Every structure is written in C-alpha cells, then in structure tokens.
Amino acid sequence: MTSSPRHWVERFATAVDLTPFRVIVTADDTALTKPAPDPYLRAAAALGLAPSRCVAIEDSLVGAAAAVAAGCATVVVGDGGRSLPRGARGIASLVGVDADRLRSVARDAMSS
C-alpha cells in the first residue's frame, strides 16, 4: 500500500524485488487516498480477507489513520513518541522483530 502513483512503484520495482507482495495498491487504485480507509479496504478485498484479519505496518500518521479507519490492526514503525491514532500501536523499529512479536503488537492494537 502506497500513496505513490503506480508508475513510481513500477519504476521502483526495477531495483527492488516486490514479488513477495501478492497485492500492491497505489494512489491510482482508489478514488480516495490516505487518510481515507479506501486503500486498505481495497487491499483487504483483493486478498479476500476482512480488514480485521489484516495487519497494517505504517510509517506515517496519515497512513495509520487510514488503516485504523479500515479496521486493520495497525503498527506504526518509528513512532518516536508521536500521538498515534486510537487503536494503533507504535514500535521503534522492525530490526530484530520477528513475526511472532509483530503479531503480538498487532493483537494489542486490536484489543485497545
């Protein structure tokens, strides 16, 4: 999920392997972009999942607001003490964070 246009993502993909991602939603794919929940709702639908079954990993408050509004468990990386949207949880870095730790943070976000 990115607020960037598709042509930028396609150019980026020439230098970075994006094949691990089954779905890529860009700013060109929805009428409304972040902070509206539309990009997250589209991504969840494309994956065949309810948003509540998705974990959004965000680096911005605008993106976090969109993810929370969509109903996703939301983890903000590099929160640096910022005031996060209600329902989001912050984590300083993904360095050394395994999938189990990320799931735990996401569950904590969903239970708030």
PDB file of N, CA and C in Angstrom:
ATOM      1  N   MET A   1       0.848  -1.156   0.000  1.00  0.00           N
ATOM      2  CA  MET A   1       0.000   0.000   0.000  1.00  0.00           C
ATOM      3  C   MET A   1       0.896   1.222   0.000  1.00  0.00           C
ATOM      4  N   THR A   2       0.663   2.068  -0.962  1.00  0.00           N
ATOM      5  CA  THR A   2       1.462   3.276  -1.042  1.00  0.00           C
ATOM      6  C   THR A   2       0.613   4.435  -1.537  1.00  0.00           C
ATOM      7  N   SER A   3       0.964   5.613  -1.102  1.00  0.00           N
ATOM      8  CA  SER A   3       0.315   6.828  -1.593  1.00  0.00           C
ATOM      9  C   SER A   3       0.965   7.309  -2.879  1.00  0.00           C
ATOM     10  N   SER A   4       1.954   6.586  -3.338  1.00  0.00           N
ATOM     11  CA  SER A   4       2.640   6.931  -4.586  1.00  0.00           C
ATOM     12  C   SER A   4       1.857   6.407  -5.783  1.00  0.00           C
ATOM     13  N   PRO A   5       2.053   7.039  -6.942  1.00  0.00           N
ATOM     14  CA  PRO A   5       1.365   6.560  -8.147  1.00  0.00           C
ATOM     15  C   PRO A   5       1.968   5.246  -8.654  1.00  0.00           C
ATOM     16  N   ARG A   6       1.202   4.500  -9.408  1.00  0.00           N
ATOM     17  CA  ARG A   6       1.634   3.192  -9.914  1.00  0.00           C
ATOM     18  C   ARG A   6       2.922   3.294 -10.737  1.00  0.00           C
ATOM     19  N   HIS A   7       3.066   4.320 -11.562  1.00  0.00           N
ATOM     20  CA  HIS A   7       4.278   4.420 -12.393  1.00  0.00           C
ATOM     21  C   HIS A   7       5.532   4.514 -11.527  1.00  0.00           C
ATOM     22  N   TRP A   8       5.424   5.135 -10.353  1.00  0.00           N
ATOM     23  CA  TRP A   8       6.568   5.216  -9.457  1.00  0.00           C
ATOM     24  C   TRP A   8       6.884   3.826  -8.896  1.00  0.00           C
ATOM     25  N   VAL A   9       5.865   3.089  -8.510  1.00  0.00           N
ATOM     26  CA  VAL A   9       6.046   1.741  -7.962  1.00  0.00           C
ATOM     27  C   VAL A   9       6.671   0.832  -9.022  1.00  0.00           C
ATOM     28  N   GLU A  10       6.202   0.936 -10.262  1.00  0.00           N
ATOM     29  CA  GLU A  10       6.760   0.114 -11.337  1.00  0.00           C
ATOM     30  C   GLU A  10       8.234   0.447 -11.566  1.00  0.00           C
ATOM     31  N   ARG A  11       8.585   1.719 -11.484  1.00  0.00           N
ATOM     32  CA  ARG A  11       9.993   2.115 -11.622  1.00  0.00           C
ATOM     33  C   ARG A  11      10.802   1.579 -10.441  1.00  0.00           C
ATOM     34  N   PHE A  12      10.267   1.674  -9.229  1.00  0.00           N
ATOM     35  CA  PHE A  12      10.915   1.170  -8.026  1.00  0.00           C
ATOM     36  C   PHE A  12      11.146  -0.336  -8.124  1.00  0.00           C
ATOM     37  N   ALA A  13      10.181  -1.036  -8.728  1.00  0.00           N
ATOM     38  CA  ALA A  13      10.258  -2.495  -8.844  1.00  0.00           C
ATOM     39  C   ALA A  13      11.385  -2.959  -9.754  1.00  0.00           C
ATOM     40  N   THR A  14      11.961  -2.074 -10.532  1.00  0.00           N
ATOM     41  CA  THR A  14      13.109  -2.463 -11.352  1.00  0.00           C
ATOM     42  C   THR A  14      14.366  -2.604 -10.504  1.00  0.00           C
ATOM     43  N   ALA A  15      14.355  -1.997  -9.299  1.00  0.00           N
ATOM     44  CA  ALA A  15      15.525  -2.060  -8.422  1.00  0.00           C
ATOM     45  C   ALA A  15      15.299  -2.918  -7.184  1.00  0.00           C
ATOM     46  N   VAL A  16      14.038  -3.126  -6.810  1.00  0.00           N
ATOM     47  CA  VAL A  16      13.702  -3.875  -5.594  1.00  0.00           C
ATOM     48  C   VAL A  16      12.707  -4.970  -5.953  1.00  0.00           C
ATOM     49  N   ASP A  17      12.930  -6.153  -5.447  1.00  0.00           N
ATOM     50  CA  ASP A  17      12.046  -7.289  -5.712  1.00  0.00           C
ATOM     51  C   ASP A  17      10.754  -7.152  -4.907  1.00  0.00           C
ATOM     52  N   LEU A  18       9.662  -6.906  -5.586  1.00  0.00           N
ATOM     53  CA  LEU A  18       8.360  -6.779  -4.920  1.00  0.00           C
ATOM     54  C   LEU A  18       7.517  -8.042  -5.038  1.00  0.00           C
ATOM     55  N   THR A  19       8.103  -9.130  -5.547  1.00  0.00           N
ATOM     56  CA  THR A  19       7.328 -10.358  -5.738  1.00  0.00           C
ATOM     57  C   THR A  19       6.776 -10.967  -4.443  1.00  0.00           C
ATOM     58  N   PRO A  20       7.363 -10.693  -3.259  1.00  0.00           N
ATOM     59  CA  PRO A  20       6.735 -11.242  -2.051  1.00  0.00           C
ATOM     60  C   PRO A  20       5.331 -10.673  -1.777  1.00  0.00           C
ATOM     61  N   PHE A  21       5.002  -9.556  -2.396  1.00  0.00           N
ATOM     62  CA  PHE A  21       3.706  -8.926  -2.169  1.00  0.00           C
ATOM     63  C   PHE A  21       2.690  -9.452  -3.175  1.00  0.00           C
ATOM     64  N   ARG A  22       1.614 -10.053  -2.673  1.00  0.00           N
ATOM     65  CA  ARG A  22       0.570 -10.578  -3.561  1.00  0.00           C
ATOM     66  C   ARG A  22      -0.283  -9.466  -4.147  1.00  0.00           C
ATOM     67  N   VAL A  23      -0.420  -8.363  -3.427  1.00  0.00           N
ATOM     68  CA  VAL A  23      -1.243  -7.237  -3.856  1.00  0.00           C
ATOM     69  C   VAL A  23      -0.483  -5.947  -3.606  1.00  0.00           C
ATOM     70  N   ILE A  24      -0.525  -5.040  -4.562  1.00  0.00           N
ATOM     71  CA  ILE A  24       0.037  -3.704  -4.388  1.00  0.00           C
ATOM     72  C   ILE A  24      -1.050  -2.707  -4.767  1.00  0.00           C
ATOM     73  N   VAL A  25      -1.427  -1.884  -3.807  1.00  0.00           N
ATOM     74  CA  VAL A  25      -2.424  -0.843  -4.046  1.00  0.00           C
ATOM     75  C   VAL A  25      -1.691   0.492  -4.040  1.00  0.00           C
ATOM     76  N   THR A  26      -1.909   1.269  -5.102  1.00  0.00           N
ATOM     77  CA  THR A  26      -1.261   2.570  -5.227  1.00  0.00           C
ATOM     78  C   THR A  26      -2.307   3.680  -5.165  1.00  0.00           C
ATOM     79  N   ALA A  27      -1.841   4.913  -5.197  1.00  0.00           N
ATOM     80  CA  ALA A  27      -2.737   6.076  -5.201  1.00  0.00           C
ATOM     81  C   ALA A  27      -3.650   6.077  -6.411  1.00  0.00           C
ATOM     82  N   ASP A  28      -3.271   5.384  -7.465  1.00  0.00           N
ATOM     83  CA  ASP A  28      -4.084   5.336  -8.685  1.00  0.00           C
ATOM     84  C   ASP A  28      -5.242   4.343  -8.592  1.00  0.00           C
ATOM     85  N   ASP A  29      -5.275   3.536  -7.551  1.00  0.00           N
ATOM     86  CA  ASP A  29      -6.228   2.432  -7.482  1.00  0.00           C
ATOM     87  C   ASP A  29      -7.513   2.723  -6.720  1.00  0.00           C
ATOM     88  N   THR A  30      -7.594   3.866  -6.054  1.00  0.00           N
ATOM     89  CA  THR A  30      -8.805   4.216  -5.324  1.00  0.00           C
ATOM     90  C   THR A  30      -9.137   5.682  -5.559  1.00  0.00           C
ATOM     91  N   ALA A  31     -10.413   6.006  -5.475  1.00  0.00           N
ATOM     92  CA  ALA A  31     -10.840   7.397  -5.655  1.00  0.00           C
ATOM     93  C   ALA A  31     -10.320   8.269  -4.516  1.00  0.00           C
ATOM     94  N   LEU A  32     -10.324   7.730  -3.310  1.00  0.00           N
ATOM     95  CA  LEU A  32      -9.823   8.454  -2.146  1.00  0.00           C
ATOM     96  C   LEU A  32      -8.567   7.762  -1.639  1.00  0.00           C
ATOM     97  N   THR A  33      -7.590   8.549  -1.243  1.00  0.00           N
ATOM     98  CA  THR A  33      -6.343   8.002  -0.718  1.00  0.00           C
ATOM     99  C   THR A  33      -6.249   8.292   0.778  1.00  0.00           C
ATOM    100  N   LYS A  34      -5.178   7.828   1.382  1.00  0.00           N
ATOM    101  CA  LYS A  34      -4.969   8.051   2.810  1.00  0.00           C
ATOM    102  C   LYS A  34      -5.131   9.547   3.105  1.00  0.00           C
ATOM    103  N   PRO A  35      -5.821   9.917   4.150  1.00  0.00           N
ATOM    104  CA  PRO A  35      -6.228   9.178   5.338  1.00  0.00           C
ATOM    105  C   PRO A  35      -7.573   8.448   5.230  1.00  0.00           C
ATOM    106  N   ALA A  36      -8.206   8.469   4.063  1.00  0.00           N
ATOM    107  CA  ALA A  36      -9.425   7.680   3.887  1.00  0.00           C
ATOM    108  C   ALA A  36      -9.069   6.194   3.967  1.00  0.00           C
ATOM    109  N   PRO A  37      -9.968   5.351   4.403  1.00  0.00           N
ATOM    110  CA  PRO A  37      -9.680   3.924   4.544  1.00  0.00           C
ATOM    111  C   PRO A  37      -9.675   3.165   3.217  1.00  0.00           C
ATOM    112  N   ASP A  38     -10.058   3.810   2.125  1.00  0.00           N
ATOM    113  CA  ASP A  38     -10.244   3.138   0.832  1.00  0.00           C
ATOM    114  C   ASP A  38      -9.074   2.265   0.379  1.00  0.00           C
ATOM    115  N   PRO A  39      -7.818   2.730   0.470  1.00  0.00           N
ATOM    116  CA  PRO A  39      -6.719   1.860   0.017  1.00  0.00           C
ATOM    117  C   PRO A  39      -6.629   0.556   0.814  1.00  0.00           C
ATOM    118  N   TYR A  40      -6.831   0.631   2.118  1.00  0.00           N
ATOM    119  CA  TYR A  40      -6.771  -0.578   2.932  1.00  0.00           C
ATOM    120  C   TYR A  40      -7.954  -1.490   2.673  1.00  0.00           C
ATOM    121  N   LEU A  41      -9.124  -0.908   2.469  1.00  0.00           N
ATOM    122  CA  LEU A  41     -10.297  -1.719   2.149  1.00  0.00           C
ATOM    123  C   LEU A  41     -10.109  -2.430   0.817  1.00  0.00           C
ATOM    124  N   ARG A  42      -9.530  -1.744  -0.164  1.00  0.00           N
ATOM    125  CA  ARG A  42      -9.284  -2.360  -1.478  1.00  0.00           C
ATOM    126  C   ARG A  42      -8.269  -3.491  -1.358  1.00  0.00           C
ATOM    127  N   ALA A  43      -7.204  -3.265  -0.611  1.00  0.00           N
ATOM    128  CA  ALA A  43      -6.178  -4.302  -0.450  1.00  0.00           C
ATOM    129  C   ALA A  43      -6.752  -5.536   0.240  1.00  0.00           C
ATOM    130  N   ALA A  44      -7.519  -5.336   1.302  1.00  0.00           N
ATOM    131  CA  ALA A  44      -8.123  -6.472   2.005  1.00  0.00           C
ATOM    132  C   ALA A  44      -9.045  -7.245   1.070  1.00  0.00           C
ATOM    133  N   ALA A  45      -9.858  -6.525   0.303  1.00  0.00           N
ATOM    134  CA  ALA A  45     -10.773  -7.188  -0.633  1.00  0.00           C
ATOM    135  C   ALA A  45      -9.995  -7.972  -1.685  1.00  0.00           C
ATOM    136  N   ALA A  46      -8.909  -7.403  -2.182  1.00  0.00           N
ATOM    137  CA  ALA A  46      -8.094  -8.085  -3.196  1.00  0.00           C
ATOM    138  C   ALA A  46      -7.463  -9.355  -2.638  1.00  0.00           C
ATOM    139  N   LEU A  47      -7.194  -9.357  -1.343  1.00  0.00           N
ATOM    140  CA  LEU A  47      -6.632 -10.543  -0.692  1.00  0.00           C
ATOM    141  C   LEU A  47      -7.718 -11.525  -0.268  1.00  0.00           C
ATOM    142  N   GLY A  48      -8.970 -11.107  -0.374  1.00  0.00           N
ATOM    143  CA  GLY A  48     -10.074 -11.961   0.040  1.00  0.00           C
ATOM    144  C   GLY A  48     -10.206 -12.057   1.550  1.00  0.00           C
ATOM    145  N   LEU A  49      -9.803 -11.013   2.251  1.00  0.00           N
ATOM    146  CA  LEU A  49      -9.821 -11.007   3.714  1.00  0.00           C
ATOM    147  C   LEU A  49     -10.652  -9.854   4.244  1.00  0.00           C
ATOM    148  N   ALA A  50     -11.222 -10.045   5.410  1.00  0.00           N
ATOM    149  CA  ALA A  50     -11.835  -8.929   6.120  1.00  0.00           C
ATOM    150  C   ALA A  50     -10.702  -8.042   6.629  1.00  0.00           C
ATOM    151  N   PRO A  51     -10.884  -6.724   6.639  1.00  0.00           N
ATOM    152  CA  PRO A  51      -9.821  -5.849   7.157  1.00  0.00           C
ATOM    153  C   PRO A  51      -9.373  -6.225   8.569  1.00  0.00           C
ATOM    154  N   SER A  52     -10.277  -6.742   9.370  1.00  0.00           N
ATOM    155  CA  SER A  52      -9.924  -7.128  10.740  1.00  0.00           C
ATOM    156  C   SER A  52      -8.936  -8.290  10.787  1.00  0.00           C
ATOM    157  N   ARG A  53      -8.734  -8.972   9.665  1.00  0.00           N
ATOM    158  CA  ARG A  53      -7.764 -10.073   9.581  1.00  0.00           C
ATOM    159  C   ARG A  53      -6.416  -9.596   9.039  1.00  0.00           C
ATOM    160  N   CYS A  54      -6.302  -8.276   8.789  1.00  0.00           N
ATOM    161  CA  CYS A  54      -5.092  -7.713   8.192  1.00  0.00           C
ATOM    162  C   CYS A  54      -4.305  -6.904   9.213  1.00  0.00           C
ATOM    163  N   VAL A  55      -2.989  -6.909   9.052  1.00  0.00           N
ATOM    164  CA  VAL A  55      -2.110  -6.076   9.862  1.00  0.00           C
ATOM    165  C   VAL A  55      -1.493  -5.038   8.941  1.00  0.00           C
ATOM    166  N   ALA A  56      -1.690  -3.784   9.273  1.00  0.00           N
ATOM    167  CA  ALA A  56      -1.091  -2.687   8.517  1.00  0.00           C
ATOM    168  C   ALA A  56       0.179  -2.252   9.238  1.00  0.00           C
ATOM    169  N   ILE A  57       1.268  -2.200   8.504  1.00  0.00           N
ATOM    170  CA  ILE A  57       2.521  -1.692   9.045  1.00  0.00           C
ATOM    171  C   ILE A  57       2.736  -0.347   8.371  1.00  0.00           C
ATOM    172  N   GLU A  58       2.702   0.706   9.147  1.00  0.00           N
ATOM    173  CA  GLU A  58       2.739   2.065   8.621  1.00  0.00           C
ATOM    174  C   GLU A  58       3.940   2.833   9.154  1.00  0.00           C
ATOM    175  N   ASP A  59       4.306   3.880   8.410  1.00  0.00           N
ATOM    176  CA  ASP A  59       5.374   4.760   8.862  1.00  0.00           C
ATOM    177  C   ASP A  59       4.893   6.202   8.994  1.00  0.00           C
ATOM    178  N   SER A  60       3.593   6.422   8.788  1.00  0.00           N
ATOM    179  CA  SER A  60       3.061   7.781   8.888  1.00  0.00           C
ATOM    180  C   SER A  60       1.753   7.785   9.661  1.00  0.00           C
ATOM    181  N   LEU A  61       1.455   8.926  10.254  1.00  0.00           N
ATOM    182  CA  LEU A  61       0.209   9.050  10.991  1.00  0.00           C
ATOM    183  C   LEU A  61      -0.991   9.065  10.055  1.00  0.00           C
ATOM    184  N   VAL A  62      -0.836   9.633   8.870  1.00  0.00           N
ATOM    185  CA  VAL A  62      -1.914   9.646   7.880  1.00  0.00           C
ATOM    186  C   VAL A  62      -2.246   8.211   7.468  1.00  0.00           C
ATOM    187  N   GLY A  63      -1.218   7.420   7.198  1.00  0.00           N
ATOM    188  CA  GLY A  63      -1.424   6.022   6.837  1.00  0.00           C
ATOM    189  C   GLY A  63      -2.017   5.227   7.986  1.00  0.00           C
ATOM    190  N   ALA A  64      -1.557   5.503   9.197  1.00  0.00           N
ATOM    191  CA  ALA A  64      -2.090   4.809  10.366  1.00  0.00           C
ATOM    192  C   ALA A  64      -3.567   5.134  10.555  1.00  0.00           C
ATOM    193  N   ALA A  65      -3.942   6.383  10.353  1.00  0.00           N
ATOM    194  CA  ALA A  65      -5.351   6.771  10.474  1.00  0.00           C
ATOM    195  C   ALA A  65      -6.200   6.023   9.447  1.00  0.00           C
ATOM    196  N   ALA A  66      -5.683   5.874   8.239  1.00  0.00           N
ATOM    197  CA  ALA A  66      -6.406   5.148   7.193  1.00  0.00           C
ATOM    198  C   ALA A  66      -6.583   3.682   7.565  1.00  0.00           C
ATOM    199  N   ALA A  67      -5.531   3.071   8.062  1.00  0.00           N
ATOM    200  CA  ALA A  67      -5.573   1.655   8.419  1.00  0.00           C
ATOM    201  C   ALA A  67      -6.536   1.403   9.579  1.00  0.00           C
ATOM    202  N   VAL A  68      -6.482   2.247  10.594  1.00  0.00           N
ATOM    203  CA  VAL A  68      -7.382   2.110  11.738  1.00  0.00           C
ATOM    204  C   VAL A  68      -8.826   2.294  11.280  1.00  0.00           C
ATOM    205  N   ALA A  69      -9.067   3.306  10.432  1.00  0.00           N
ATOM    206  CA  ALA A  69     -10.427   3.559   9.938  1.00  0.00           C
ATOM    207  C   ALA A  69     -10.962   2.376   9.132  1.00  0.00           C
ATOM    208  N   ALA A  70     -10.068   1.653   8.473  1.00  0.00           N
ATOM    209  CA  ALA A  70     -10.479   0.483   7.694  1.00  0.00           C
ATOM    210  C   ALA A  70     -10.762  -0.723   8.581  1.00  0.00           C
ATOM    211  N   GLY A  71     -10.269  -0.686   9.817  1.00  0.00           N
ATOM    212  CA  GLY A  71     -10.483  -1.807  10.728  1.00  0.00           C
ATOM    213  C   GLY A  71      -9.321  -2.767  10.813  1.00  0.00           C
ATOM    214  N   CYS A  72      -8.156  -2.349  10.324  1.00  0.00           N
ATOM    215  CA  CYS A  72      -6.962  -3.195  10.369  1.00  0.00           C
ATOM    216  C   CYS A  72      -6.231  -3.027  11.701  1.00  0.00           C
ATOM    217  N   ALA A  73      -5.600  -4.099  12.157  1.00  0.00           N
ATOM    218  CA  ALA A  73      -4.640  -3.964  13.248  1.00  0.00           C
ATOM    219  C   ALA A  73      -3.510  -3.112  12.688  1.00  0.00           C
ATOM    220  N   THR A  74      -3.088  -2.099  13.433  1.00  0.00           N
ATOM    221  CA  THR A  74      -2.152  -1.116  12.874  1.00  0.00           C
ATOM    222  C   THR A  74      -0.931  -0.950  13.757  1.00  0.00           C
ATOM    223  N   VAL A  75       0.233  -1.112  13.143  1.00  0.00           N
ATOM    224  CA  VAL A  75       1.509  -0.947  13.819  1.00  0.00           C
ATOM    225  C   VAL A  75       2.246   0.182  13.108  1.00  0.00           C
ATOM    226  N   VAL A  76       2.653   1.190  13.872  1.00  0.00           N
ATOM    227  CA  VAL A  76       3.380   2.327  13.313  1.00  0.00           C
ATOM    228  C   VAL A  76       4.853   2.156  13.676  1.00  0.00           C
ATOM    229  N   VAL A  77       5.686   2.079  12.664  1.00  0.00           N
ATOM    230  CA  VAL A  77       7.124   1.889  12.862  1.00  0.00           C
ATOM    231  C   VAL A  77       7.792   3.250  12.981  1.00  0.00           C
ATOM    232  N   GLY A  78       8.668   3.366  13.961  1.00  0.00           N
ATOM    233  CA  GLY A  78       9.388   4.616  14.162  1.00  0.00           C
ATOM    234  C   GLY A  78       8.498   5.686  14.735  1.00  0.00           C
ATOM    235  N   ASP A  79       7.623   5.286  15.670  1.00  0.00           N
ATOM    236  CA  ASP A  79       6.631   6.231  16.172  1.00  0.00           C
ATOM    237  C   ASP A  79       7.264   7.402  16.912  1.00  0.00           C
ATOM    238  N   GLY A  80       8.437   7.238  17.494  1.00  0.00           N
ATOM    239  CA  GLY A  80       9.159   8.343  18.110  1.00  0.00           C
ATOM    240  C   GLY A  80       8.357   9.167  19.096  1.00  0.00           C
ATOM    241  N   GLY A  81       7.415   8.556  19.776  1.00  0.00           N
ATOM    242  CA  GLY A  81       6.645   9.273  20.776  1.00  0.00           C
ATOM    243  C   GLY A  81       5.501  10.094  20.207  1.00  0.00           C
ATOM    244  N   ARG A  82       5.233   9.961  18.912  1.00  0.00           N
ATOM    245  CA  ARG A  82       4.118  10.702  18.316  1.00  0.00           C
ATOM    246  C   ARG A  82       2.804  10.226  18.919  1.00  0.00           C
ATOM    247  N   SER A  83       1.823  11.071  18.873  1.00  0.00           N
ATOM    248  CA  SER A  83       0.488  10.701  19.326  1.00  0.00           C
ATOM    249  C   SER A  83      -0.177   9.886  18.222  1.00  0.00           C
ATOM    250  N   LEU A  84      -0.338   8.591  18.461  1.00  0.00           N
ATOM    251  CA  LEU A  84      -0.854   7.685  17.447  1.00  0.00           C
ATOM    252  C   LEU A  84      -2.376   7.673  17.450  1.00  0.00           C
ATOM    253  N   PRO A  85      -2.987   7.339  16.311  1.00  0.00           N
ATOM    254  CA  PRO A  85      -4.439   7.204  16.279  1.00  0.00           C
ATOM    255  C   PRO A  85      -4.886   6.136  17.274  1.00  0.00           C
ATOM    256  N   ARG A  86      -6.049   6.355  17.896  1.00  0.00           N
ATOM    257  CA  ARG A  86      -6.579   5.366  18.843  1.00  0.00           C
ATOM    258  C   ARG A  86      -6.715   4.026  18.127  1.00  0.00           C
ATOM    259  N   GLY A  87      -6.162   2.984  18.720  1.00  0.00           N
ATOM    260  CA  GLY A  87      -6.209   1.655  18.134  1.00  0.00           C
ATOM    261  C   GLY A  87      -4.916   1.251  17.443  1.00  0.00           C
ATOM    262  N   ALA A  88      -3.993   2.192  17.266  1.00  0.00           N
ATOM    263  CA  ALA A  88      -2.688   1.869  16.660  1.00  0.00           C
ATOM    264  C   ALA A  88      -1.662   1.685  17.771  1.00  0.00           C
ATOM    265  N   ARG A  89      -0.655   0.903  17.482  1.00  0.00           N
ATOM    266  CA  ARG A  89       0.448   0.705  18.414  1.00  0.00           C
ATOM    267  C   ARG A  89       1.745   1.064  17.706  1.00  0.00           C
ATOM    268  N   GLY A  90       2.665   1.629  18.458  1.00  0.00           N
ATOM    269  CA  GLY A  90       3.945   2.015  17.894  1.00  0.00           C
ATOM    270  C   GLY A  90       5.036   1.030  18.239  1.00  0.00           C
ATOM    271  N   ILE A  91       6.006   0.957  17.366  1.00  0.00           N
ATOM    272  CA  ILE A  91       7.190   0.140  17.579  1.00  0.00           C
ATOM    273  C   ILE A  91       8.362   0.934  17.015  1.00  0.00           C
ATOM    274  N   ALA A  92       9.460   0.983  17.729  1.00  0.00           N
ATOM    275  CA  ALA A  92      10.570   1.846  17.334  1.00  0.00           C
ATOM    276  C   ALA A  92      11.178   1.450  15.993  1.00  0.00           C
ATOM    277  N   SER A  93      11.316   0.148  15.776  1.00  0.00           N
ATOM    278  CA  SER A  93      11.990  -0.341  14.577  1.00  0.00           C
ATOM    279  C   SER A  93      11.560  -1.779  14.315  1.00  0.00           C
ATOM    280  N   LEU A  94      11.723  -2.216  13.099  1.00  0.00           N
ATOM    281  CA  LEU A  94      11.466  -3.626  12.778  1.00  0.00           C
ATOM    282  C   LEU A  94      12.727  -4.472  12.886  1.00  0.00           C
ATOM    283  N   VAL A  95      13.845  -3.840  13.188  1.00  0.00           N
ATOM    284  CA  VAL A  95      15.094  -4.574  13.341  1.00  0.00           C
ATOM    285  C   VAL A  95      14.951  -5.540  14.515  1.00  0.00           C
ATOM    286  N   GLY A  96      15.162  -6.796  14.256  1.00  0.00           N
ATOM    287  CA  GLY A  96      15.080  -7.810  15.287  1.00  0.00           C
ATOM    288  C   GLY A  96      13.665  -8.232  15.646  1.00  0.00           C
ATOM    289  N   VAL A  97      12.666  -7.705  14.949  1.00  0.00           N
ATOM    290  CA  VAL A  97      11.271  -8.069  15.233  1.00  0.00           C
ATOM    291  C   VAL A  97      10.885  -9.235  14.343  1.00  0.00           C
ATOM    292  N   ASP A  98      10.500 -10.337  14.969  1.00  0.00           N
ATOM    293  CA  ASP A  98      10.061 -11.492  14.179  1.00  0.00           C
ATOM    294  C   ASP A  98       8.541 -11.473  14.032  1.00  0.00           C
ATOM    295  N   ALA A  99       8.025 -12.406  13.290  1.00  0.00           N
ATOM    296  CA  ALA A  99       6.589 -12.454  13.003  1.00  0.00           C
ATOM    297  C   ALA A  99       5.772 -12.610  14.284  1.00  0.00           C
ATOM    298  N   ASP A 100       6.256 -13.383  15.250  1.00  0.00           N
ATOM    299  CA  ASP A 100       5.514 -13.567  16.495  1.00  0.00           C
ATOM    300  C   ASP A 100       5.390 -12.252  17.267  1.00  0.00           C
ATOM    301  N   ARG A 101       6.468 -11.482  17.309  1.00  0.00           N
ATOM    302  CA  ARG A 101       6.432 -10.184  18.012  1.00  0.00           C
ATOM    303  C   ARG A 101       5.485  -9.229  17.288  1.00  0.00           C
ATOM    304  N   LEU A 102       5.520  -9.216  15.977  1.00  0.00           N
ATOM    305  CA  LEU A 102       4.639  -8.351  15.204  1.00  0.00           C
ATOM    306  C   LEU A 102       3.173  -8.731  15.434  1.00  0.00           C
ATOM    307  N   ARG A 103       2.888 -10.028  15.464  1.00  0.00           N
ATOM    308  CA  ARG A 103       1.520 -10.488  15.752  1.00  0.00           C
ATOM    309  C   ARG A 103       1.070 -10.017  17.137  1.00  0.00           C
ATOM    310  N   SER A 104       1.971 -10.090  18.106  1.00  0.00           N
ATOM    311  CA  SER A 104       1.645  -9.668  19.464  1.00  0.00           C
ATOM    312  C   SER A 104       1.314  -8.178  19.512  1.00  0.00           C
ATOM    313  N   VAL A 105       2.102  -7.365  18.848  1.00  0.00           N
ATOM    314  CA  VAL A 105       1.857  -5.919  18.814  1.00  0.00           C
ATOM    315  C   VAL A 105       0.528  -5.645  18.110  1.00  0.00           C
ATOM    316  N   ALA A 106       0.267  -6.367  17.016  1.00  0.00           N
ATOM    317  CA  ALA A 106      -0.980  -6.189  16.261  1.00  0.00           C
ATOM    318  C   ALA A 106      -2.186  -6.588  17.111  1.00  0.00           C
ATOM    319  N   ARG A 107      -2.081  -7.696  17.837  1.00  0.00           N
ATOM    320  CA  ARG A 107      -3.192  -8.123  18.712  1.00  0.00           C
ATOM    321  C   ARG A 107      -3.457  -7.085  19.764  1.00  0.00           C
ATOM    322  N   ASP A 108      -2.389  -6.500  20.321  1.00  0.00           N
ATOM    323  CA  ASP A 108      -2.518  -5.461  21.327  1.00  0.00           C
ATOM    324  C   ASP A 108      -3.238  -4.246  20.734  1.00  0.00           C
ATOM    325  N   ALA A 109      -2.916  -3.910  19.503  1.00  0.00           N
ATOM    326  CA  ALA A 109      -3.570  -2.773  18.839  1.00  0.00           C
ATOM    327  C   ALA A 109      -5.063  -3.040  18.668  1.00  0.00           C
ATOM    328  N   MET A 110      -5.418  -4.253  18.299  1.00  0.00           N
ATOM    329  CA  MET A 110      -6.819  -4.583  18.052  1.00  0.00           C
ATOM    330  C   MET A 110      -7.633  -4.659  19.346  1.00  0.00           C
ATOM    331  N   SER A 111      -6.971  -4.929  20.468  1.00  0.00           N
ATOM    332  CA  SER A 111      -7.722  -5.061  21.726  1.00  0.00           C
ATOM    333  C   SER A 111      -7.943  -3.726  22.422  1.00  0.00           C
ATOM    334  N   SER A 112      -7.340  -2.667  21.898  1.00  0.00           N
ATOM    335  CA  SER A 112      -7.496  -1.360  22.570  1.00  0.00           C
ATOM    336  C   SER A 112      -8.779  -0.670  22.177  1.00  0.00           C
TER     337      SER A 112
END
